[in-house]
Amino acid sequence: MTLSKYIFISLIFSFTVSSIHAGGPWPKPKGKGYFKLNEWWLIADKHYTDAGLIDPNVTAGIFNTSLYAEYGFTDRLTGVLYFPFFSRSYFNNLVSATTGEVIKAGEAINSIGDTDISLKYALTKPGSGLPVSATLLLGLPLGENAGGSEQALQTGDGEFNQLLQIDAGKSFGTDKIGLYASVYTGINNRTNDFSDEIRYGGEIGIGLAASKLWLIGRINGVESLRNGKLASEIVTSSIFANNAEYTSYGIEANLYVTDKLGLSVGYASAFRGEIIYASPSYSVGVFYDMK
């Protein structure tokens, strides 16, 4: 039995990237930016099947060390970069439960990961009471999509995707408490026989202690259009399976240590899923906010 049979699983973009992104329809003002050095990881010994049931798998994991950046080219146009400059994917030894014999030795690969570059444009004027923005994201297949002895270890999916997304939101802040909410929806066009996807979600953030501490809650979802090959027809493992679907939740805390420098921690997991890991992910980071 091949490794891909044991870890017939994925986690998808939203678990990794949405825990890093600032999010929402608000572009950065011209000449201002937001930069984050982040560590994200997930370790799993179980997964959701294509029927939504939970099955065990050999313990596997992935670690991404990434740079996230937003920069305002104008008051309405912001450039965004997500660059995982070090990504490690591995699986442990597969051991017989009866004899303790190692059936298959563990393996690991290290490389850069798939990278996202995007442009966010404000469809409404700066200062609008109900801001709306459009984002075009290009997913660059810079990661390894066929590593290990069975070519099943991956730090990328090997396909070039284009996501078109609409965000809308509103700020409700007062002098003492900052508060905002936003929602988004988008369509992700994928290549190399991967199915296209509908993506959706929202987040709520509250700022406490004179906006030094921000607490954020997120909901994200992916629905496959199933217009590509079956998941079993594309050799994938780790977090990159085709036709994966899920609804996930995440929480994040951001603490400003100074006016511009801060620390963040995050957690994300799935309410339900198909062909995804059934384990949570974690993240820690350091950010610089050019206000």
C-alpha atoms as a PDB file:
ATOM      1  CA  MET A   1       0.000   0.000   0.000  1.00  0.00           C
ATOM      2  CA  THR A   2       1.438   3.399  -0.963  1.00  0.00           C
ATOM      3  CA  LEU A   3       1.892   6.345   1.337  1.00  0.00           C
ATOM      4  CA  SER A   4      -0.850   8.256  -0.457  1.00  0.00           C
ATOM      5  CA  LYS A   5      -3.291   5.512   0.605  1.00  0.00           C
ATOM      6  CA  TYR A   6      -2.324   6.007   4.233  1.00  0.00           C
ATOM      7  CA  ILE A   7      -2.556   9.780   4.194  1.00  0.00           C
ATOM      8  CA  PHE A   8      -5.311  10.472   1.720  1.00  0.00           C
ATOM      9  CA  ILE A   9      -5.739  13.913   3.189  1.00  0.00           C
ATOM     10  CA  SER A  10      -5.461  17.680   2.854  1.00  0.00           C
ATOM     11  CA  LEU A  11      -5.856  20.893   4.783  1.00  0.00           C
ATOM     12  CA  ILE A  12      -5.994  23.574   2.057  1.00  0.00           C
ATOM     13  CA  PHE A  13      -5.046  27.236   1.774  1.00  0.00           C
ATOM     14  CA  SER A  14      -7.444  28.714   4.310  1.00  0.00           C
ATOM     15  CA  PHE A  15      -6.041  26.979   7.370  1.00  0.00           C
ATOM     16  CA  THR A  16      -2.520  28.185   6.630  1.00  0.00           C
ATOM     17  CA  VAL A  17      -2.969  31.540   5.050  1.00  0.00           C
ATOM     18  CA  SER A  18      -6.091  32.937   6.702  1.00  0.00           C
ATOM     19  CA  SER A  19      -4.409  32.550  10.081  1.00  0.00           C
ATOM     20  CA  ILE A  20      -1.680  34.874   8.793  1.00  0.00           C
ATOM     21  CA  HIS A  21      -3.549  37.462   6.734  1.00  0.00           C
ATOM     22  CA  ALA A  22      -4.948  40.621   8.240  1.00  0.00           C
ATOM     23  CA  GLY A  23      -8.009  40.125   6.041  1.00  0.00           C
ATOM     24  CA  GLY A  24     -11.045  42.272   5.314  1.00  0.00           C
ATOM     25  CA  PRO A  25     -11.929  44.879   2.671  1.00  0.00           C
ATOM     26  CA  TRP A  26      -9.628  47.591   4.024  1.00  0.00           C
ATOM     27  CA  PRO A  27      -6.619  48.363   1.798  1.00  0.00           C
ATOM     28  CA  LYS A  28      -3.499  49.883   3.308  1.00  0.00           C
ATOM     29  CA  PRO A  29      -3.077  53.654   2.959  1.00  0.00           C
ATOM     30  CA  LYS A  30      -0.497  54.739   0.411  1.00  0.00           C
ATOM     31  CA  GLY A  31       3.030  54.135   1.694  1.00  0.00           C
ATOM     32  CA  LYS A  32       1.879  52.115   4.715  1.00  0.00           C
ATOM     33  CA  GLY A  33       2.342  48.411   5.255  1.00  0.00           C
ATOM     34  CA  TYR A  34       1.980  45.357   7.452  1.00  0.00           C
ATOM     35  CA  PHE A  35       4.694  42.688   7.693  1.00  0.00           C
ATOM     36  CA  LYS A  36       4.638  39.397   9.560  1.00  0.00           C
ATOM     37  CA  LEU A  37       7.153  36.615  10.182  1.00  0.00           C
ATOM     38  CA  ASN A  38       5.107  33.545  11.004  1.00  0.00           C
ATOM     39  CA  GLU A  39       5.522  29.898  11.971  1.00  0.00           C
ATOM     40  CA  TRP A  40       2.581  27.588  11.192  1.00  0.00           C
ATOM     41  CA  TRP A  41       2.394  23.854  11.826  1.00  0.00           C
ATOM     42  CA  LEU A  42       0.073  20.884  11.835  1.00  0.00           C
ATOM     43  CA  ILE A  43       0.631  17.295  13.019  1.00  0.00           C
ATOM     44  CA  ALA A  44      -2.069  14.689  12.404  1.00  0.00           C
ATOM     45  CA  ASP A  45      -2.693  10.982  12.887  1.00  0.00           C
ATOM     46  CA  LYS A  46      -6.265  11.002  11.559  1.00  0.00           C
ATOM     47  CA  HIS A  47      -8.189  12.467   8.633  1.00  0.00           C
ATOM     48  CA  TYR A  48     -11.661  12.969   7.204  1.00  0.00           C
ATOM     49  CA  THR A  49     -12.461  10.568   4.377  1.00  0.00           C
ATOM     50  CA  ASP A  50     -14.330  11.513   1.195  1.00  0.00           C
ATOM     51  CA  ALA A  51     -17.497  10.445   3.053  1.00  0.00           C
ATOM     52  CA  GLY A  52     -16.804  12.825   5.961  1.00  0.00           C
ATOM     53  CA  LEU A  53     -15.839  10.042   8.376  1.00  0.00           C
ATOM     54  CA  ILE A  54     -12.667  10.021  10.473  1.00  0.00           C
ATOM     55  CA  ASP A  55      -9.995   7.384   9.791  1.00  0.00           C
ATOM     56  CA  PRO A  56      -6.490   6.956  11.226  1.00  0.00           C
ATOM     57  CA  ASN A  57      -3.315   7.544   9.232  1.00  0.00           C
ATOM     58  CA  VAL A  58       0.411   7.341   9.869  1.00  0.00           C
ATOM     59  CA  THR A  59       1.428  10.439  11.825  1.00  0.00           C
ATOM     60  CA  ALA A  60       2.350  13.184   9.364  1.00  0.00           C
ATOM     61  CA  GLY A  61       3.005  16.875   9.590  1.00  0.00           C
ATOM     62  CA  ILE A  62       4.021  20.057   7.865  1.00  0.00           C
ATOM     63  CA  PHE A  63       5.785  23.184   9.129  1.00  0.00           C
ATOM     64  CA  ASN A  64       5.793  26.511   7.262  1.00  0.00           C
ATOM     65  CA  THR A  65       8.028  29.462   8.122  1.00  0.00           C
ATOM     66  CA  SER A  66       6.673  32.367   6.114  1.00  0.00           C
ATOM     67  CA  LEU A  67       6.753  36.061   5.384  1.00  0.00           C
ATOM     68  CA  TYR A  68       3.442  37.855   4.931  1.00  0.00           C
ATOM     69  CA  ALA A  69       3.393  41.440   3.683  1.00  0.00           C
ATOM     70  CA  GLU A  70       0.836  44.097   2.723  1.00  0.00           C
ATOM     71  CA  TYR A  71       1.831  47.431   1.195  1.00  0.00           C
ATOM     72  CA  GLY A  72      -0.318  50.314   0.001  1.00  0.00           C
ATOM     73  CA  PHE A  73       0.637  51.413  -3.514  1.00  0.00           C
ATOM     74  CA  THR A  74      -2.209  53.934  -3.441  1.00  0.00           C
ATOM     75  CA  ASP A  75      -5.015  54.585  -0.967  1.00  0.00           C
ATOM     76  CA  ARG A  76      -7.135  52.070  -2.888  1.00  0.00           C
ATOM     77  CA  LEU A  77      -4.605  49.536  -4.199  1.00  0.00           C
ATOM     78  CA  THR A  78      -2.654  47.196  -1.921  1.00  0.00           C
ATOM     79  CA  GLY A  79      -0.114  44.548  -2.854  1.00  0.00           C
ATOM     80  CA  VAL A  80      -0.045  41.355  -0.783  1.00  0.00           C
ATOM     81  CA  LEU A  81       2.600  38.617  -0.554  1.00  0.00           C
ATOM     82  CA  TYR A  82       2.548  35.268   1.241  1.00  0.00           C
ATOM     83  CA  PHE A  83       5.960  33.541   0.916  1.00  0.00           C
ATOM     84  CA  PRO A  84       6.707  30.338   2.881  1.00  0.00           C
ATOM     85  CA  PHE A  85      10.488  30.478   2.480  1.00  0.00           C
ATOM     86  CA  PHE A  86      11.005  27.263   4.480  1.00  0.00           C
ATOM     87  CA  SER A  87       8.566  24.360   4.434  1.00  0.00           C
ATOM     88  CA  ARG A  88       9.095  20.903   5.945  1.00  0.00           C
ATOM     89  CA  SER A  89       6.802  17.947   5.229  1.00  0.00           C
ATOM     90  CA  TYR A  90       7.259  14.567   6.886  1.00  0.00           C
ATOM     91  CA  PHE A  91       5.667  11.311   7.976  1.00  0.00           C
ATOM     92  CA  ASN A  92       6.722   9.021  10.829  1.00  0.00           C
ATOM     93  CA  ASN A  93       7.579   5.339  10.684  1.00  0.00           C
ATOM     94  CA  LEU A  94       4.635   3.081   9.904  1.00  0.00           C
ATOM     95  CA  VAL A  95       4.766   0.449  12.654  1.00  0.00           C
ATOM     96  CA  SER A  96       2.846  -2.822  12.936  1.00  0.00           C
ATOM     97  CA  ALA A  97       0.398  -2.715  15.853  1.00  0.00           C
ATOM     98  CA  THR A  98       0.885  -6.441  16.505  1.00  0.00           C
ATOM     99  CA  THR A  99       4.624  -7.040  16.077  1.00  0.00           C
ATOM    100  CA  GLY A 100       6.090  -3.560  16.483  1.00  0.00           C
ATOM    101  CA  GLU A 101       7.942  -4.042  13.217  1.00  0.00           C
ATOM    102  CA  VAL A 102       8.627  -0.971  11.093  1.00  0.00           C
ATOM    103  CA  ILE A 103       6.612  -1.573   7.934  1.00  0.00           C
ATOM    104  CA  LYS A 104       7.774   1.614   6.261  1.00  0.00           C
ATOM    105  CA  ALA A 105      10.454   4.037   7.402  1.00  0.00           C
ATOM    106  CA  GLY A 106       9.540   7.673   7.861  1.00  0.00           C
ATOM    107  CA  GLU A 107      10.718  10.371   5.471  1.00  0.00           C
ATOM    108  CA  ALA A 108      10.909  14.156   5.262  1.00  0.00           C
ATOM    109  CA  ILE A 109      11.588  16.892   2.720  1.00  0.00           C
ATOM    110  CA  ASN A 110      12.557  20.550   3.074  1.00  0.00           C
ATOM    111  CA  SER A 111      11.968  23.261   0.469  1.00  0.00           C
ATOM    112  CA  ILE A 112      10.238  26.568  -0.104  1.00  0.00           C
ATOM    113  CA  GLY A 113       6.446  26.385  -0.312  1.00  0.00           C
ATOM    114  CA  ASP A 114       3.756  27.486  -2.724  1.00  0.00           C
ATOM    115  CA  THR A 115       3.615  31.287  -2.778  1.00  0.00           C
ATOM    116  CA  ASP A 116       0.694  33.710  -3.177  1.00  0.00           C
ATOM    117  CA  ILE A 117       0.875  37.208  -4.654  1.00  0.00           C
ATOM    118  CA  SER A 118      -2.223  39.364  -4.896  1.00  0.00           C
ATOM    119  CA  LEU A 119      -3.645  42.813  -5.472  1.00  0.00           C
ATOM    120  CA  LYS A 120      -6.512  44.187  -3.391  1.00  0.00           C
ATOM    121  CA  TYR A 121      -8.490  47.110  -4.828  1.00  0.00           C
ATOM    122  CA  ALA A 122     -11.049  49.159  -2.894  1.00  0.00           C
ATOM    123  CA  LEU A 123     -14.280  49.354  -4.894  1.00  0.00           C
ATOM    124  CA  THR A 124     -15.573  52.001  -2.500  1.00  0.00           C
ATOM    125  CA  LYS A 125     -13.872  55.273  -1.587  1.00  0.00           C
ATOM    126  CA  PRO A 126     -11.563  55.372   1.460  1.00  0.00           C
ATOM    127  CA  GLY A 127     -13.598  56.113   4.571  1.00  0.00           C
ATOM    128  CA  SER A 128     -16.768  54.495   3.222  1.00  0.00           C
ATOM    129  CA  GLY A 129     -19.227  53.320   5.860  1.00  0.00           C
ATOM    130  CA  LEU A 130     -19.473  49.930   4.144  1.00  0.00           C
ATOM    131  CA  PRO A 131     -16.157  49.251   2.392  1.00  0.00           C
ATOM    132  CA  VAL A 132     -16.010  46.669  -0.393  1.00  0.00           C
ATOM    133  CA  SER A 133     -12.862  45.411  -2.100  1.00  0.00           C
ATOM    134  CA  ALA A 134     -11.891  42.989  -4.854  1.00  0.00           C
ATOM    135  CA  THR A 135      -8.784  40.804  -4.709  1.00  0.00           C
ATOM    136  CA  LEU A 136      -6.982  38.903  -7.435  1.00  0.00           C
ATOM    137  CA  LEU A 137      -4.660  36.258  -6.000  1.00  0.00           C
ATOM    138  CA  LEU A 138      -2.173  34.208  -8.008  1.00  0.00           C
ATOM    139  CA  GLY A 139      -0.952  30.971  -6.434  1.00  0.00           C
ATOM    140  CA  LEU A 140       2.565  30.182  -7.662  1.00  0.00           C
ATOM    141  CA  PRO A 141       3.596  26.486  -7.560  1.00  0.00           C
ATOM    142  CA  LEU A 142       7.069  27.022  -6.101  1.00  0.00           C
ATOM    143  CA  GLY A 143       6.888  24.155  -3.600  1.00  0.00           C
ATOM    144  CA  GLU A 144       7.877  20.517  -4.062  1.00  0.00           C
ATOM    145  CA  ASN A 145       4.958  18.408  -5.277  1.00  0.00           C
ATOM    146  CA  ALA A 146       6.634  14.997  -5.631  1.00  0.00           C
ATOM    147  CA  GLY A 147       9.183  14.414  -2.867  1.00  0.00           C
ATOM    148  CA  GLY A 148      10.252  11.277  -1.019  1.00  0.00           C
ATOM    149  CA  SER A 149      10.803   7.721  -2.239  1.00  0.00           C
ATOM    150  CA  GLU A 150       7.188   7.429  -3.437  1.00  0.00           C
ATOM    151  CA  GLN A 151       6.941  11.064  -4.575  1.00  0.00           C
ATOM    152  CA  ALA A 152       4.110  11.578  -2.090  1.00  0.00           C
ATOM    153  CA  LEU A 153       5.681  14.188   0.210  1.00  0.00           C
ATOM    154  CA  GLN A 154       4.739  17.727  -0.741  1.00  0.00           C
ATOM    155  CA  THR A 155       5.276  21.345   0.177  1.00  0.00           C
ATOM    156  CA  GLY A 156       3.130  22.441  -2.786  1.00  0.00           C
ATOM    157  CA  ASP A 157       0.471  21.065  -5.114  1.00  0.00           C
ATOM    158  CA  GLY A 158       2.171  21.750  -8.454  1.00  0.00           C
ATOM    159  CA  GLU A 159      -0.714  23.781  -9.904  1.00  0.00           C
ATOM    160  CA  PHE A 160      -1.096  27.475 -10.750  1.00  0.00           C
ATOM    161  CA  ASN A 161      -4.339  28.864  -9.353  1.00  0.00           C
ATOM    162  CA  GLN A 162      -6.135  32.191  -9.653  1.00  0.00           C
ATOM    163  CA  LEU A 163      -8.536  33.349  -6.949  1.00  0.00           C
ATOM    164  CA  LEU A 164     -10.980  36.230  -7.475  1.00  0.00           C
ATOM    165  CA  GLN A 165     -12.469  37.359  -4.163  1.00  0.00           C
ATOM    166  CA  ILE A 166     -14.894  40.038  -2.939  1.00  0.00           C
ATOM    167  CA  ASP A 167     -14.701  41.335   0.656  1.00  0.00           C
ATOM    168  CA  ALA A 168     -17.118  43.578   2.524  1.00  0.00           C
ATOM    169  CA  GLY A 169     -17.019  44.783   6.099  1.00  0.00           C
ATOM    170  CA  LYS A 170     -17.830  47.420   8.669  1.00  0.00           C
ATOM    171  CA  SER A 171     -16.132  48.993  11.677  1.00  0.00           C
ATOM    172  CA  PHE A 172     -18.131  49.532  14.862  1.00  0.00           C
ATOM    173  CA  GLY A 173     -15.371  50.912  17.053  1.00  0.00           C
ATOM    174  CA  THR A 174     -15.810  53.332  19.930  1.00  0.00           C
ATOM    175  CA  ASP A 175     -13.273  55.410  21.837  1.00  0.00           C
ATOM    176  CA  LYS A 176     -12.719  52.520  24.256  1.00  0.00           C
ATOM    177  CA  ILE A 177     -13.221  49.380  22.168  1.00  0.00           C
ATOM    178  CA  GLY A 178     -12.351  48.628  18.568  1.00  0.00           C
ATOM    179  CA  LEU A 179     -14.755  46.322  16.751  1.00  0.00           C
ATOM    180  CA  TYR A 180     -15.125  45.197  13.144  1.00  0.00           C
ATOM    181  CA  ALA A 181     -16.738  42.447  11.078  1.00  0.00           C
ATOM    182  CA  SER A 182     -16.135  41.317   7.504  1.00  0.00           C
ATOM    183  CA  VAL A 183     -17.256  38.614   5.080  1.00  0.00           C
ATOM    184  CA  TYR A 184     -15.883  37.341   1.782  1.00  0.00           C
ATOM    185  CA  THR A 185     -16.625  34.996  -1.079  1.00  0.00           C
ATOM    186  CA  GLY A 186     -14.537  33.977  -4.052  1.00  0.00           C
ATOM    187  CA  ILE A 187     -13.931  31.479  -6.815  1.00  0.00           C
ATOM    188  CA  ASN A 188     -10.596  29.706  -7.153  1.00  0.00           C
ATOM    189  CA  ASN A 189      -9.644  28.542 -10.644  1.00  0.00           C
ATOM    190  CA  ARG A 190      -7.171  25.637 -10.455  1.00  0.00           C
ATOM    191  CA  THR A 191      -5.063  23.990 -13.158  1.00  0.00           C
ATOM    192  CA  ASN A 192      -3.484  20.550 -13.735  1.00  0.00           C
ATOM    193  CA  ASP A 193      -6.823  18.707 -13.444  1.00  0.00           C
ATOM    194  CA  PHE A 194      -7.585  20.060  -9.963  1.00  0.00           C
ATOM    195  CA  SER A 195     -11.204  21.021  -9.363  1.00  0.00           C
ATOM    196  CA  ASP A 196     -12.164  24.678  -9.069  1.00  0.00           C
ATOM    197  CA  GLU A 197     -13.444  25.870  -5.695  1.00  0.00           C
ATOM    198  CA  ILE A 198     -15.896  28.248  -4.061  1.00  0.00           C
ATOM    199  CA  ARG A 199     -14.430  29.894  -0.969  1.00  0.00           C
ATOM    200  CA  TYR A 200     -16.288  31.864   1.678  1.00  0.00           C
ATOM    201  CA  GLY A 201     -15.968  33.060   5.229  1.00  0.00           C
ATOM    202  CA  GLY A 202     -15.930  35.907   7.677  1.00  0.00           C
ATOM    203  CA  GLU A 203     -14.242  37.281  10.735  1.00  0.00           C
ATOM    204  CA  ILE A 204     -14.963  39.405  13.768  1.00  0.00           C
ATOM    205  CA  GLY A 205     -12.308  41.352  15.636  1.00  0.00           C
ATOM    206  CA  ILE A 206     -12.369  43.245  18.910  1.00  0.00           C
ATOM    207  CA  GLY A 207      -9.673  45.617  20.147  1.00  0.00           C
ATOM    208  CA  LEU A 208      -9.087  45.924  23.885  1.00  0.00           C
ATOM    209  CA  ALA A 209      -6.685  47.846  26.133  1.00  0.00           C
ATOM    210  CA  ALA A 210      -6.712  50.932  23.895  1.00  0.00           C
ATOM    211  CA  SER A 211      -6.471  48.630  20.851  1.00  0.00           C
ATOM    212  CA  LYS A 212      -3.197  47.100  22.083  1.00  0.00           C
ATOM    213  CA  LEU A 213      -4.801  43.639  22.158  1.00  0.00           C
ATOM    214  CA  TRP A 214      -6.864  42.367  19.224  1.00  0.00           C
ATOM    215  CA  LEU A 215      -8.870  39.147  19.480  1.00  0.00           C
ATOM    216  CA  ILE A 216     -10.101  37.692  16.181  1.00  0.00           C
ATOM    217  CA  GLY A 217     -12.504  34.873  15.354  1.00  0.00           C
ATOM    218  CA  ARG A 218     -12.786  33.409  11.845  1.00  0.00           C
ATOM    219  CA  ILE A 219     -14.979  31.034   9.871  1.00  0.00           C
ATOM    220  CA  ASN A 220     -13.721  29.739   6.512  1.00  0.00           C
ATOM    221  CA  GLY A 221     -15.144  27.278   4.020  1.00  0.00           C
ATOM    222  CA  VAL A 222     -14.201  25.585   0.762  1.00  0.00           C
ATOM    223  CA  GLU A 223     -16.595  23.764  -1.568  1.00  0.00           C
ATOM    224  CA  SER A 224     -15.231  21.856  -4.552  1.00  0.00           C
ATOM    225  CA  LEU A 225     -16.956  22.217  -7.925  1.00  0.00           C
ATOM    226  CA  ARG A 226     -15.760  18.665  -8.693  1.00  0.00           C
ATOM    227  CA  ASN A 227     -14.950  19.543 -12.274  1.00  0.00           C
ATOM    228  CA  GLY A 228     -11.471  18.016 -12.188  1.00  0.00           C
ATOM    229  CA  LYS A 229     -10.114  14.554 -11.620  1.00  0.00           C
ATOM    230  CA  LEU A 230     -11.106  12.435  -8.640  1.00  0.00           C
ATOM    231  CA  ALA A 231      -8.867  12.808  -5.597  1.00  0.00           C
ATOM    232  CA  SER A 232      -7.719   9.193  -6.070  1.00  0.00           C
ATOM    233  CA  GLU A 233      -6.541  10.003  -9.611  1.00  0.00           C
ATOM    234  CA  ILE A 234      -4.068  12.682  -8.498  1.00  0.00           C
ATOM    235  CA  VAL A 235      -1.137  11.569  -6.328  1.00  0.00           C
ATOM    236  CA  THR A 236      -1.222  13.948  -3.384  1.00  0.00           C
ATOM    237  CA  SER A 237      -0.608  13.831   0.328  1.00  0.00           C
ATOM    238  CA  SER A 238       0.031  16.217   3.185  1.00  0.00           C
ATOM    239  CA  ILE A 239      -2.241  19.271   2.731  1.00  0.00           C
ATOM    240  CA  PHE A 240      -2.824  19.302  -1.004  1.00  0.00           C
ATOM    241  CA  ALA A 241      -5.532  16.777  -1.959  1.00  0.00           C
ATOM    242  CA  ASN A 242      -8.018  17.494  -4.751  1.00  0.00           C
ATOM    243  CA  ASN A 243     -11.784  17.857  -4.155  1.00  0.00           C
ATOM    244  CA  ALA A 244     -11.270  18.589  -0.465  1.00  0.00           C
ATOM    245  CA  GLU A 245     -14.079  20.429   1.317  1.00  0.00           C
ATOM    246  CA  TYR A 246     -14.404  21.809   4.824  1.00  0.00           C
ATOM    247  CA  THR A 247     -15.834  24.396   7.154  1.00  0.00           C
ATOM    248  CA  SER A 248     -13.252  25.598   9.658  1.00  0.00           C
ATOM    249  CA  TYR A 249     -13.007  27.960  12.585  1.00  0.00           C
ATOM    250  CA  GLY A 250     -10.023  29.845  13.916  1.00  0.00           C
ATOM    251  CA  ILE A 251      -9.057  32.176  16.728  1.00  0.00           C
ATOM    252  CA  GLU A 252      -6.143  34.575  16.898  1.00  0.00           C
ATOM    253  CA  ALA A 253      -4.688  37.019  19.414  1.00  0.00           C
ATOM    254  CA  ASN A 254      -2.478  39.955  18.412  1.00  0.00           C
ATOM    255  CA  LEU A 255      -0.675  41.983  21.071  1.00  0.00           C
ATOM    256  CA  TYR A 256       1.055  45.266  20.262  1.00  0.00           C
ATOM    257  CA  VAL A 257       4.243  45.410  22.345  1.00  0.00           C
ATOM    258  CA  THR A 258       4.976  48.880  20.957  1.00  0.00           C
ATOM    259  CA  ASP A 259       2.909  51.153  18.720  1.00  0.00           C
ATOM    260  CA  LYS A 260       4.050  49.200  15.652  1.00  0.00           C
ATOM    261  CA  LEU A 261       5.623  45.914  16.786  1.00  0.00           C
ATOM    262  CA  GLY A 262       3.606  42.978  18.089  1.00  0.00           C
ATOM    263  CA  LEU A 263       3.199  39.248  18.693  1.00  0.00           C
ATOM    264  CA  SER A 264       0.480  36.881  17.507  1.00  0.00           C
ATOM    265  CA  VAL A 265      -0.742  33.359  18.258  1.00  0.00           C
ATOM    266  CA  GLY A 266      -3.400  31.399  16.372  1.00  0.00           C
ATOM    267  CA  TYR A 267      -5.363  28.152  16.314  1.00  0.00           C
ATOM    268  CA  ALA A 268      -7.579  26.649  13.598  1.00  0.00           C
ATOM    269  CA  SER A 269      -9.560  23.444  13.150  1.00  0.00           C
ATOM    270  CA  ALA A 270     -12.481  22.052  11.152  1.00  0.00           C
ATOM    271  CA  PHE A 271     -16.141  21.610  12.057  1.00  0.00           C
ATOM    272  CA  ARG A 272     -16.491  19.119   9.210  1.00  0.00           C
ATOM    273  CA  GLY A 273     -14.484  18.004   6.227  1.00  0.00           C
ATOM    274  CA  GLU A 274     -13.839  15.667   3.339  1.00  0.00           C
ATOM    275  CA  ILE A 275     -10.321  14.521   2.444  1.00  0.00           C
ATOM    276  CA  ILE A 276      -8.684  16.782   5.043  1.00  0.00           C
ATOM    277  CA  TYR A 277      -6.740  16.321   8.256  1.00  0.00           C
ATOM    278  CA  ALA A 278      -8.902  15.951  11.354  1.00  0.00           C
ATOM    279  CA  SER A 279      -6.388  17.769  13.561  1.00  0.00           C
ATOM    280  CA  PRO A 280      -5.875  21.434  14.454  1.00  0.00           C
ATOM    281  CA  SER A 281      -3.143  23.775  13.258  1.00  0.00           C
ATOM    282  CA  TYR A 282      -1.206  26.327  15.298  1.00  0.00           C
ATOM    283  CA  SER A 283       0.727  29.494  14.519  1.00  0.00           C
ATOM    284  CA  VAL A 284       2.961  32.048  16.223  1.00  0.00           C
ATOM    285  CA  GLY A 285       4.332  35.218  14.704  1.00  0.00           C
ATOM    286  CA  VAL A 286       5.966  38.606  15.029  1.00  0.00           C
ATOM    287  CA  PHE A 287       4.508  41.542  13.093  1.00  0.00           C
ATOM    288  CA  TYR A 288       5.372  45.129  12.205  1.00  0.00           C
ATOM    289  CA  ASP A 289       2.496  47.503  11.457  1.00  0.00           C
ATOM    290  CA  MET A 290       3.466  50.655   9.511  1.00  0.00           C
ATOM    291  CA  LYS A 291       0.582  52.792  10.697  1.00  0.00           C
END
